[in-house]
Amino acid sequence: MYQKKVNCWEFMHCSRVYGGVMDGKYGICPASTEKKLDGMNDGKNAGRICWVVTGTMCKDRIQGSYDFKFNKCVSCSFYKLVKDEEGNNFVDSDALLRKLEEH
């Protein structure tokens, strides 16, 4: 039986998606709208690779760029969940960053 894989905004309950309770306070999360990364690690937009997207939220604070936040992200329970669920299919950060840079 297929089990739906959750996106970061579902796992973290941040509600920074269109129509979410926090979209007016903090804005829409860029992970929920980044279409270049749709489907990577089986997520919607960048929903399962939030660690490479600038401006995501962690612990009620908007985070900076990948270089600034990644060391924190690798200890995040969501990052660990995605890495575990994807196993050998886990898309590494270098490949994701290259995809983001494509025009």
PDB file of N, CA and C in Angstrom:
ATOM      1  N   MET A   1       0.839  -1.189   0.000  1.00  0.00           N
ATOM      2  CA  MET A   1       0.000   0.000   0.000  1.00  0.00           C
ATOM      3  C   MET A   1       0.878   1.244   0.000  1.00  0.00           C
ATOM      4  N   TYR A   2       0.546   2.204  -0.848  1.00  0.00           N
ATOM      5  CA  TYR A   2       1.298   3.458  -0.952  1.00  0.00           C
ATOM      6  C   TYR A   2       0.909   4.389   0.184  1.00  0.00           C
ATOM      7  N   GLN A   3       1.913   4.935   0.846  1.00  0.00           N
ATOM      8  CA  GLN A   3       1.667   5.924   1.886  1.00  0.00           C
ATOM      9  C   GLN A   3       2.146   7.280   1.382  1.00  0.00           C
ATOM     10  N   LYS A   4       1.284   8.292   1.439  1.00  0.00           N
ATOM     11  CA  LYS A   4       1.632   9.623   0.975  1.00  0.00           C
ATOM     12  C   LYS A   4       2.806  10.166   1.789  1.00  0.00           C
ATOM     13  N   LYS A   5       3.775  10.706   1.089  1.00  0.00           N
ATOM     14  CA  LYS A   5       4.907  11.334   1.749  1.00  0.00           C
ATOM     15  C   LYS A   5       4.555  12.790   2.017  1.00  0.00           C
ATOM     16  N   VAL A   6       4.836  13.242   3.224  1.00  0.00           N
ATOM     17  CA  VAL A   6       4.466  14.603   3.616  1.00  0.00           C
ATOM     18  C   VAL A   6       5.504  15.612   3.159  1.00  0.00           C
ATOM     19  N   ASN A   7       5.037  16.809   2.906  1.00  0.00           N
ATOM     20  CA  ASN A   7       5.895  17.935   2.597  1.00  0.00           C
ATOM     21  C   ASN A   7       6.249  18.645   3.901  1.00  0.00           C
ATOM     22  N   CYS A   8       7.261  19.508   3.845  1.00  0.00           N
ATOM     23  CA  CYS A   8       7.756  20.156   5.061  1.00  0.00           C
ATOM     24  C   CYS A   8       6.669  20.947   5.780  1.00  0.00           C
ATOM     25  N   TRP A   9       5.832  21.676   5.047  1.00  0.00           N
ATOM     26  CA  TRP A   9       4.813  22.498   5.699  1.00  0.00           C
ATOM     27  C   TRP A   9       3.769  21.655   6.403  1.00  0.00           C
ATOM     28  N   GLU A  10       3.577  20.421   5.943  1.00  0.00           N
ATOM     29  CA  GLU A  10       2.654  19.505   6.625  1.00  0.00           C
ATOM     30  C   GLU A  10       3.320  18.931   7.872  1.00  0.00           C
ATOM     31  N   PHE A  11       4.550  18.517   7.730  1.00  0.00           N
ATOM     32  CA  PHE A  11       5.299  17.915   8.840  1.00  0.00           C
ATOM     33  C   PHE A  11       5.534  18.925   9.970  1.00  0.00           C
ATOM     34  N   MET A  12       5.909  20.157   9.589  1.00  0.00           N
ATOM     35  CA  MET A  12       6.249  21.181  10.574  1.00  0.00           C
ATOM     36  C   MET A  12       5.039  22.000  11.030  1.00  0.00           C
ATOM     37  N   HIS A  13       3.902  21.815  10.366  1.00  0.00           N
ATOM     38  CA  HIS A  13       2.669  22.541  10.697  1.00  0.00           C
ATOM     39  C   HIS A  13       2.878  24.060  10.698  1.00  0.00           C
ATOM     40  N   CYS A  14       3.629  24.555   9.722  1.00  0.00           N
ATOM     41  CA  CYS A  14       3.938  25.989   9.711  1.00  0.00           C
ATOM     42  C   CYS A  14       2.829  26.825   9.083  1.00  0.00           C
ATOM     43  N   SER A  15       2.023  26.249   8.231  1.00  0.00           N
ATOM     44  CA  SER A  15       0.884  26.932   7.612  1.00  0.00           C
ATOM     45  C   SER A  15       1.270  28.139   6.766  1.00  0.00           C
ATOM     46  N   ARG A  16       2.469  28.129   6.181  1.00  0.00           N
ATOM     47  CA  ARG A  16       2.890  29.213   5.283  1.00  0.00           C
ATOM     48  C   ARG A  16       2.620  28.826   3.828  1.00  0.00           C
ATOM     49  N   VAL A  17       1.458  28.291   3.567  1.00  0.00           N
ATOM     50  CA  VAL A  17       1.030  27.929   2.220  1.00  0.00           C
ATOM     51  C   VAL A  17      -0.190  28.779   1.879  1.00  0.00           C
ATOM     52  N   TYR A  18      -0.548  28.845   0.584  1.00  0.00           N
ATOM     53  CA  TYR A  18      -1.731  29.614   0.210  1.00  0.00           C
ATOM     54  C   TYR A  18      -2.932  29.175   1.038  1.00  0.00           C
ATOM     55  N   GLY A  19      -3.556  30.120   1.698  1.00  0.00           N
ATOM     56  CA  GLY A  19      -4.722  29.820   2.515  1.00  0.00           C
ATOM     57  C   GLY A  19      -4.390  29.349   3.913  1.00  0.00           C
ATOM     58  N   GLY A  20      -3.112  29.197   4.246  1.00  0.00           N
ATOM     59  CA  GLY A  20      -2.711  28.768   5.588  1.00  0.00           C
ATOM     60  C   GLY A  20      -2.840  29.907   6.582  1.00  0.00           C
ATOM     61  N   VAL A  21      -2.963  29.581   7.856  1.00  0.00           N
ATOM     62  CA  VAL A  21      -3.184  30.600   8.880  1.00  0.00           C
ATOM     63  C   VAL A  21      -1.991  31.541   9.052  1.00  0.00           C
ATOM     64  N   MET A  22      -0.795  31.142   8.615  1.00  0.00           N
ATOM     65  CA  MET A  22       0.374  31.987   8.771  1.00  0.00           C
ATOM     66  C   MET A  22       0.803  32.687   7.491  1.00  0.00           C
ATOM     67  N   ASP A  23       0.065  32.493   6.399  1.00  0.00           N
ATOM     68  CA  ASP A  23       0.497  33.115   5.150  1.00  0.00           C
ATOM     69  C   ASP A  23       0.423  34.640   5.209  1.00  0.00           C
ATOM     70  N   GLY A  24      -0.471  35.188   5.982  1.00  0.00           N
ATOM     71  CA  GLY A  24      -0.570  36.637   6.113  1.00  0.00           C
ATOM     72  C   GLY A  24       0.496  37.227   7.023  1.00  0.00           C
ATOM     73  N   LYS A  25       0.902  36.487   8.027  1.00  0.00           N
ATOM     74  CA  LYS A  25       1.890  36.991   8.988  1.00  0.00           C
ATOM     75  C   LYS A  25       3.314  36.905   8.437  1.00  0.00           C
ATOM     76  N   TYR A  26       3.671  35.762   7.862  1.00  0.00           N
ATOM     77  CA  TYR A  26       5.041  35.538   7.401  1.00  0.00           C
ATOM     78  C   TYR A  26       5.165  35.429   5.879  1.00  0.00           C
ATOM     79  N   GLY A  27       4.059  35.407   5.185  1.00  0.00           N
ATOM     80  CA  GLY A  27       4.085  35.235   3.740  1.00  0.00           C
ATOM     81  C   GLY A  27       4.078  33.762   3.359  1.00  0.00           C
ATOM     82  N   ILE A  28       3.954  33.527   2.079  1.00  0.00           N
ATOM     83  CA  ILE A  28       3.932  32.160   1.549  1.00  0.00           C
ATOM     84  C   ILE A  28       5.358  31.628   1.545  1.00  0.00           C
ATOM     85  N   CYS A  29       5.525  30.411   2.009  1.00  0.00           N
ATOM     86  CA  CYS A  29       6.851  29.792   2.045  1.00  0.00           C
ATOM     87  C   CYS A  29       7.338  29.519   0.625  1.00  0.00           C
ATOM     88  N   PRO A  30       8.570  29.913   0.318  1.00  0.00           N
ATOM     89  CA  PRO A  30       9.093  29.663  -1.020  1.00  0.00           C
ATOM     90  C   PRO A  30       9.230  28.175  -1.351  1.00  0.00           C
ATOM     91  N   ALA A  31       9.326  27.314  -0.358  1.00  0.00           N
ATOM     92  CA  ALA A  31       9.374  25.872  -0.641  1.00  0.00           C
ATOM     93  C   ALA A  31       8.048  25.392  -1.229  1.00  0.00           C
ATOM     94  N   SER A  32       6.965  26.030  -0.836  1.00  0.00           N
ATOM     95  CA  SER A  32       5.652  25.604  -1.336  1.00  0.00           C
ATOM     96  C   SER A  32       5.366  26.101  -2.748  1.00  0.00           C
ATOM     97  N   THR A  33       6.196  27.022  -3.259  1.00  0.00           N
ATOM     98  CA  THR A  33       5.938  27.593  -4.578  1.00  0.00           C
ATOM     99  C   THR A  33       7.070  27.366  -5.584  1.00  0.00           C
ATOM    100  N   GLU A  34       8.177  26.773  -5.169  1.00  0.00           N
ATOM    101  CA  GLU A  34       9.349  26.595  -6.037  1.00  0.00           C
ATOM    102  C   GLU A  34       9.116  25.453  -7.027  1.00  0.00           C
ATOM    103  N   LYS A  35       8.626  25.790  -8.200  1.00  0.00           N
ATOM    104  CA  LYS A  35       8.226  24.793  -9.199  1.00  0.00           C
ATOM    105  C   LYS A  35       9.399  24.096  -9.884  1.00  0.00           C
ATOM    106  N   LYS A  36      10.578  24.695  -9.896  1.00  0.00           N
ATOM    107  CA  LYS A  36      11.743  24.058 -10.533  1.00  0.00           C
ATOM    108  C   LYS A  36      12.098  22.741  -9.849  1.00  0.00           C
ATOM    109  N   LEU A  37      11.698  22.594  -8.595  1.00  0.00           N
ATOM    110  CA  LEU A  37      12.072  21.414  -7.820  1.00  0.00           C
ATOM    111  C   LEU A  37      10.900  20.465  -7.587  1.00  0.00           C
ATOM    112  N   ASP A  38       9.818  20.700  -8.306  1.00  0.00           N
ATOM    113  CA  ASP A  38       8.630  19.860  -8.137  1.00  0.00           C
ATOM    114  C   ASP A  38       8.953  18.396  -8.387  1.00  0.00           C
ATOM    115  N   GLY A  39       8.540  17.553  -7.461  1.00  0.00           N
ATOM    116  CA  GLY A  39       8.719  16.119  -7.596  1.00  0.00           C
ATOM    117  C   GLY A  39      10.019  15.585  -7.018  1.00  0.00           C
ATOM    118  N   MET A  40      10.972  16.458  -6.717  1.00  0.00           N
ATOM    119  CA  MET A  40      12.246  15.989  -6.166  1.00  0.00           C
ATOM    120  C   MET A  40      11.999  15.387  -4.776  1.00  0.00           C
ATOM    121  N   ASN A  41      12.575  14.237  -4.531  1.00  0.00           N
ATOM    122  CA  ASN A  41      12.343  13.474  -3.296  1.00  0.00           C
ATOM    123  C   ASN A  41      10.846  13.254  -3.058  1.00  0.00           C
ATOM    124  N   ASP A  42      10.088  13.161  -4.148  1.00  0.00           N
ATOM    125  CA  ASP A  42       8.647  12.901  -4.117  1.00  0.00           C
ATOM    126  C   ASP A  42       7.824  13.997  -3.450  1.00  0.00           C
ATOM    127  N   GLY A  43       8.298  15.229  -3.502  1.00  0.00           N
ATOM    128  CA  GLY A  43       7.567  16.329  -2.873  1.00  0.00           C
ATOM    129  C   GLY A  43       6.841  17.209  -3.864  1.00  0.00           C
ATOM    130  N   LYS A  44       5.918  17.996  -3.339  1.00  0.00           N
ATOM    131  CA  LYS A  44       5.241  19.012  -4.151  1.00  0.00           C
ATOM    132  C   LYS A  44       6.103  20.263  -4.120  1.00  0.00           C
ATOM    133  N   ASN A  45       6.433  20.770  -5.301  1.00  0.00           N
ATOM    134  CA  ASN A  45       7.348  21.896  -5.447  1.00  0.00           C
ATOM    135  C   ASN A  45       8.626  21.572  -4.671  1.00  0.00           C
ATOM    136  N   ALA A  46       9.030  22.357  -3.687  1.00  0.00           N
ATOM    137  CA  ALA A  46      10.249  22.034  -2.923  1.00  0.00           C
ATOM    138  C   ALA A  46       9.896  21.524  -1.521  1.00  0.00           C
ATOM    139  N   GLY A  47       8.752  20.900  -1.415  1.00  0.00           N
ATOM    140  CA  GLY A  47       8.235  20.475  -0.118  1.00  0.00           C
ATOM    141  C   GLY A  47       9.013  19.385   0.587  1.00  0.00           C
ATOM    142  N   ARG A  48       9.875  18.670  -0.151  1.00  0.00           N
ATOM    143  CA  ARG A  48      10.690  17.645   0.504  1.00  0.00           C
ATOM    144  C   ARG A  48      12.177  17.911   0.289  1.00  0.00           C
ATOM    145  N   ILE A  49      12.475  19.176   0.024  1.00  0.00           N
ATOM    146  CA  ILE A  49      13.873  19.603  -0.109  1.00  0.00           C
ATOM    147  C   ILE A  49      14.024  21.044   0.362  1.00  0.00           C
ATOM    148  N   CYS A  50      13.314  21.405   1.389  1.00  0.00           N
ATOM    149  CA  CYS A  50      13.261  22.781   1.885  1.00  0.00           C
ATOM    150  C   CYS A  50      14.628  23.330   2.275  1.00  0.00           C
ATOM    151  N   TRP A  51      15.573  22.465   2.576  1.00  0.00           N
ATOM    152  CA  TRP A  51      16.896  22.900   3.040  1.00  0.00           C
ATOM    153  C   TRP A  51      17.703  23.627   1.973  1.00  0.00           C
ATOM    154  N   VAL A  52      17.328  23.509   0.715  1.00  0.00           N
ATOM    155  CA  VAL A  52      18.068  24.230  -0.334  1.00  0.00           C
ATOM    156  C   VAL A  52      17.386  25.533  -0.738  1.00  0.00           C
ATOM    157  N   VAL A  53      16.233  25.829  -0.164  1.00  0.00           N
ATOM    158  CA  VAL A  53      15.459  27.002  -0.554  1.00  0.00           C
ATOM    159  C   VAL A  53      15.637  28.122   0.477  1.00  0.00           C
ATOM    160  N   THR A  54      15.997  29.290  -0.013  1.00  0.00           N
ATOM    161  CA  THR A  54      16.151  30.467   0.846  1.00  0.00           C
ATOM    162  C   THR A  54      14.782  30.957   1.300  1.00  0.00           C
ATOM    163  N   GLY A  55      14.688  31.342   2.572  1.00  0.00           N
ATOM    164  CA  GLY A  55      13.477  31.959   3.089  1.00  0.00           C
ATOM    165  C   GLY A  55      12.463  31.016   3.703  1.00  0.00           C
ATOM    166  N   THR A  56      12.834  29.754   3.900  1.00  0.00           N
ATOM    167  CA  THR A  56      11.922  28.847   4.596  1.00  0.00           C
ATOM    168  C   THR A  56      11.929  29.200   6.086  1.00  0.00           C
ATOM    169  N   MET A  57      11.028  28.605   6.839  1.00  0.00           N
ATOM    170  CA  MET A  57      10.905  28.941   8.249  1.00  0.00           C
ATOM    171  C   MET A  57      11.281  27.750   9.122  1.00  0.00           C
ATOM    172  N   CYS A  58      11.967  28.036  10.194  1.00  0.00           N
ATOM    173  CA  CYS A  58      12.299  27.012  11.182  1.00  0.00           C
ATOM    174  C   CYS A  58      12.178  27.640  12.566  1.00  0.00           C
ATOM    175  N   LYS A  59      11.409  26.980  13.401  1.00  0.00           N
ATOM    176  CA  LYS A  59      11.215  27.454  14.780  1.00  0.00           C
ATOM    177  C   LYS A  59      10.800  28.922  14.818  1.00  0.00           C
ATOM    178  N   ASP A  60       9.767  29.240  14.035  1.00  0.00           N
ATOM    179  CA  ASP A  60       9.180  30.583  13.986  1.00  0.00           C
ATOM    180  C   ASP A  60      10.149  31.676  13.555  1.00  0.00           C
ATOM    181  N   ARG A  61      11.164  31.302  12.792  1.00  0.00           N
ATOM    182  CA  ARG A  61      12.116  32.291  12.282  1.00  0.00           C
ATOM    183  C   ARG A  61      12.403  31.986  10.817  1.00  0.00           C
ATOM    184  N   ILE A  62      12.286  33.015   9.987  1.00  0.00           N
ATOM    185  CA  ILE A  62      12.595  32.842   8.577  1.00  0.00           C
ATOM    186  C   ILE A  62      14.100  32.677   8.434  1.00  0.00           C
ATOM    187  N   GLN A  63      14.479  31.642   7.700  1.00  0.00           N
ATOM    188  CA  GLN A  63      15.883  31.285   7.536  1.00  0.00           C
ATOM    189  C   GLN A  63      16.487  31.932   6.298  1.00  0.00           C
ATOM    190  N   GLY A  64      17.785  31.949   6.251  1.00  0.00           N
ATOM    191  CA  GLY A  64      18.506  32.535   5.125  1.00  0.00           C
ATOM    192  C   GLY A  64      18.779  31.532   4.029  1.00  0.00           C
ATOM    193  N   SER A  65      19.913  31.707   3.396  1.00  0.00           N
ATOM    194  CA  SER A  65      20.301  30.888   2.257  1.00  0.00           C
ATOM    195  C   SER A  65      20.763  29.501   2.683  1.00  0.00           C
ATOM    196  N   TYR A  66      20.934  28.646   1.689  1.00  0.00           N
ATOM    197  CA  TYR A  66      21.421  27.281   1.908  1.00  0.00           C
ATOM    198  C   TYR A  66      22.729  27.290   2.704  1.00  0.00           C
ATOM    199  N   ASP A  67      23.679  28.120   2.296  1.00  0.00           N
ATOM    200  CA  ASP A  67      24.982  28.162   2.974  1.00  0.00           C
ATOM    201  C   ASP A  67      24.846  28.501   4.445  1.00  0.00           C
ATOM    202  N   PHE A  68      23.913  29.379   4.755  1.00  0.00           N
ATOM    203  CA  PHE A  68      23.705  29.808   6.128  1.00  0.00           C
ATOM    204  C   PHE A  68      23.002  28.746   6.981  1.00  0.00           C
ATOM    205  N   LYS A  69      22.036  28.071   6.406  1.00  0.00           N
ATOM    206  CA  LYS A  69      21.167  27.220   7.225  1.00  0.00           C
ATOM    207  C   LYS A  69      21.439  25.720   7.163  1.00  0.00           C
ATOM    208  N   PHE A  70      22.170  25.236   6.167  1.00  0.00           N
ATOM    209  CA  PHE A  70      22.249  23.794   5.946  1.00  0.00           C
ATOM    210  C   PHE A  70      22.768  23.010   7.145  1.00  0.00           C
ATOM    211  N   ASN A  71      23.751  23.513   7.846  1.00  0.00           N
ATOM    212  CA  ASN A  71      24.278  22.779   9.004  1.00  0.00           C
ATOM    213  C   ASN A  71      23.211  22.533  10.059  1.00  0.00           C
ATOM    214  N   LYS A  72      22.254  23.429  10.177  1.00  0.00           N
ATOM    215  CA  LYS A  72      21.121  23.223  11.090  1.00  0.00           C
ATOM    216  C   LYS A  72      20.144  22.215  10.508  1.00  0.00           C
ATOM    217  N   CYS A  73      19.965  22.282   9.201  1.00  0.00           N
ATOM    218  CA  CYS A  73      18.979  21.425   8.544  1.00  0.00           C
ATOM    219  C   CYS A  73      19.310  19.938   8.662  1.00  0.00           C
ATOM    220  N   VAL A  74      20.570  19.579   8.611  1.00  0.00           N
ATOM    221  CA  VAL A  74      20.912  18.156   8.651  1.00  0.00           C
ATOM    222  C   VAL A  74      20.557  17.513   9.983  1.00  0.00           C
ATOM    223  N   SER A  75      20.340  18.320  11.022  1.00  0.00           N
ATOM    224  CA  SER A  75      19.919  17.750  12.304  1.00  0.00           C
ATOM    225  C   SER A  75      18.401  17.821  12.488  1.00  0.00           C
ATOM    226  N   CYS A  76      17.695  18.366  11.505  1.00  0.00           N
ATOM    227  CA  CYS A  76      16.239  18.499  11.566  1.00  0.00           C
ATOM    228  C   CYS A  76      15.566  17.132  11.394  1.00  0.00           C
ATOM    229  N   SER A  77      14.516  16.892  12.147  1.00  0.00           N
ATOM    230  CA  SER A  77      13.812  15.607  12.059  1.00  0.00           C
ATOM    231  C   SER A  77      13.155  15.422  10.691  1.00  0.00           C
ATOM    232  N   PHE A  78      12.741  16.497  10.037  1.00  0.00           N
ATOM    233  CA  PHE A  78      12.147  16.359   8.711  1.00  0.00           C
ATOM    234  C   PHE A  78      13.199  15.962   7.685  1.00  0.00           C
ATOM    235  N   TYR A  79      14.360  16.589   7.719  1.00  0.00           N
ATOM    236  CA  TYR A  79      15.459  16.231   6.811  1.00  0.00           C
ATOM    237  C   TYR A  79      15.797  14.745   6.976  1.00  0.00           C
ATOM    238  N   LYS A  80      15.911  14.308   8.220  1.00  0.00           N
ATOM    239  CA  LYS A  80      16.241  12.901   8.501  1.00  0.00           C
ATOM    240  C   LYS A  80      15.150  11.968   7.985  1.00  0.00           C
ATOM    241  N   LEU A  81      13.884  12.369   8.140  1.00  0.00           N
ATOM    242  CA  LEU A  81      12.769  11.565   7.647  1.00  0.00           C
ATOM    243  C   LEU A  81      12.848  11.395   6.131  1.00  0.00           C
ATOM    244  N   VAL A  82      13.052  12.499   5.416  1.00  0.00           N
ATOM    245  CA  VAL A  82      13.129  12.449   3.950  1.00  0.00           C
ATOM    246  C   VAL A  82      14.303  11.579   3.518  1.00  0.00           C
ATOM    247  N   LYS A  83      15.439  11.779   4.139  1.00  0.00           N
ATOM    248  CA  LYS A  83      16.625  10.999   3.781  1.00  0.00           C
ATOM    249  C   LYS A  83      16.382   9.508   4.005  1.00  0.00           C
ATOM    250  N   ASP A  84      15.731   9.177   5.098  1.00  0.00           N
ATOM    251  CA  ASP A  84      15.421   7.782   5.413  1.00  0.00           C
ATOM    252  C   ASP A  84      14.392   7.214   4.432  1.00  0.00           C
ATOM    253  N   GLU A  85      13.328   7.950   4.171  1.00  0.00           N
ATOM    254  CA  GLU A  85      12.281   7.462   3.260  1.00  0.00           C
ATOM    255  C   GLU A  85      12.800   7.294   1.831  1.00  0.00           C
ATOM    256  N   GLU A  86      13.641   8.193   1.385  1.00  0.00           N
ATOM    257  CA  GLU A  86      14.133   8.142   0.009  1.00  0.00           C
ATOM    258  C   GLU A  86      15.264   7.141  -0.172  1.00  0.00           C
ATOM    259  N   GLY A  87      16.020   6.874   0.878  1.00  0.00           N
ATOM    260  CA  GLY A  87      17.102   5.900   0.782  1.00  0.00           C
ATOM    261  C   GLY A  87      18.060   6.212  -0.350  1.00  0.00           C
ATOM    262  N   ASN A  88      18.299   5.238  -1.223  1.00  0.00           N
ATOM    263  CA  ASN A  88      19.211   5.426  -2.357  1.00  0.00           C
ATOM    264  C   ASN A  88      18.697   6.419  -3.391  1.00  0.00           C
ATOM    265  N   ASN A  89      17.418   6.770  -3.342  1.00  0.00           N
ATOM    266  CA  ASN A  89      16.836   7.728  -4.281  1.00  0.00           C
ATOM    267  C   ASN A  89      16.920   9.169  -3.777  1.00  0.00           C
ATOM    268  N   PHE A  90      17.478   9.358  -2.596  1.00  0.00           N
ATOM    269  CA  PHE A  90      17.597  10.701  -2.017  1.00  0.00           C
ATOM    270  C   PHE A  90      18.421  11.586  -2.947  1.00  0.00           C
ATOM    271  N   VAL A  91      17.860  12.725  -3.352  1.00  0.00           N
ATOM    272  CA  VAL A  91      18.555  13.660  -4.235  1.00  0.00           C
ATOM    273  C   VAL A  91      19.417  14.567  -3.376  1.00  0.00           C
ATOM    274  N   ASP A  92      20.719  14.563  -3.632  1.00  0.00           N
ATOM    275  CA  ASP A  92      21.626  15.344  -2.785  1.00  0.00           C
ATOM    276  C   ASP A  92      21.541  16.833  -3.079  1.00  0.00           C
ATOM    277  N   SER A  93      22.033  17.611  -2.153  1.00  0.00           N
ATOM    278  CA  SER A  93      21.918  19.065  -2.219  1.00  0.00           C
ATOM    279  C   SER A  93      22.616  19.665  -3.425  1.00  0.00           C
ATOM    280  N   ASP A  94      23.753  19.134  -3.825  1.00  0.00           N
ATOM    281  CA  ASP A  94      24.459  19.681  -4.988  1.00  0.00           C
ATOM    282  C   ASP A  94      23.596  19.599  -6.239  1.00  0.00           C
ATOM    283  N   ALA A  95      22.946  18.466  -6.447  1.00  0.00           N
ATOM    284  CA  ALA A  95      22.072  18.302  -7.613  1.00  0.00           C
ATOM    285  C   ALA A  95      20.878  19.242  -7.531  1.00  0.00           C
ATOM    286  N   LEU A  96      20.343  19.420  -6.348  1.00  0.00           N
ATOM    287  CA  LEU A  96      19.200  20.313  -6.166  1.00  0.00           C
ATOM    288  C   LEU A  96      19.579  21.766  -6.437  1.00  0.00           C
ATOM    289  N   LEU A  97      20.725  22.177  -5.933  1.00  0.00           N
ATOM    290  CA  LEU A  97      21.185  23.550  -6.155  1.00  0.00           C
ATOM    291  C   LEU A  97      21.435  23.816  -7.635  1.00  0.00           C
ATOM    292  N   ARG A  98      21.988  22.832  -8.339  1.00  0.00           N
ATOM    293  CA  ARG A  98      22.191  22.987  -9.789  1.00  0.00           C
ATOM    294  C   ARG A  98      20.853  23.150 -10.501  1.00  0.00           C
ATOM    295  N   LYS A  99      19.863  22.382 -10.077  1.00  0.00           N
ATOM    296  CA  LYS A  99      18.533  22.469 -10.679  1.00  0.00           C
ATOM    297  C   LYS A  99      17.920  23.854 -10.442  1.00  0.00           C
ATOM    298  N   LEU A 100      18.121  24.400  -9.264  1.00  0.00           N
ATOM    299  CA  LEU A 100      17.610  25.736  -8.952  1.00  0.00           C
ATOM    300  C   LEU A 100      18.253  26.814  -9.830  1.00  0.00           C
ATOM    301  N   GLU A 101      19.499  26.611 -10.171  1.00  0.00           N
ATOM    302  CA  GLU A 101      20.230  27.606 -10.967  1.00  0.00           C
ATOM    303  C   GLU A 101      19.878  27.561 -12.450  1.00  0.00           C
ATOM    304  N   GLU A 102      19.233  26.488 -12.898  1.00  0.00           N
ATOM    305  CA  GLU A 102      18.851  26.374 -14.312  1.00  0.00           C
ATOM    306  C   GLU A 102      17.820  27.453 -14.658  1.00  0.00           C
ATOM    307  N   HIS A 103      17.880  27.908 -15.875  1.00  0.00           N
ATOM    308  CA  HIS A 103      16.910  28.939 -16.326  1.00  0.00           C
ATOM    309  C   HIS A 103      15.817  28.329 -17.133  1.00  0.00           C
TER     310      HIS A 103
END
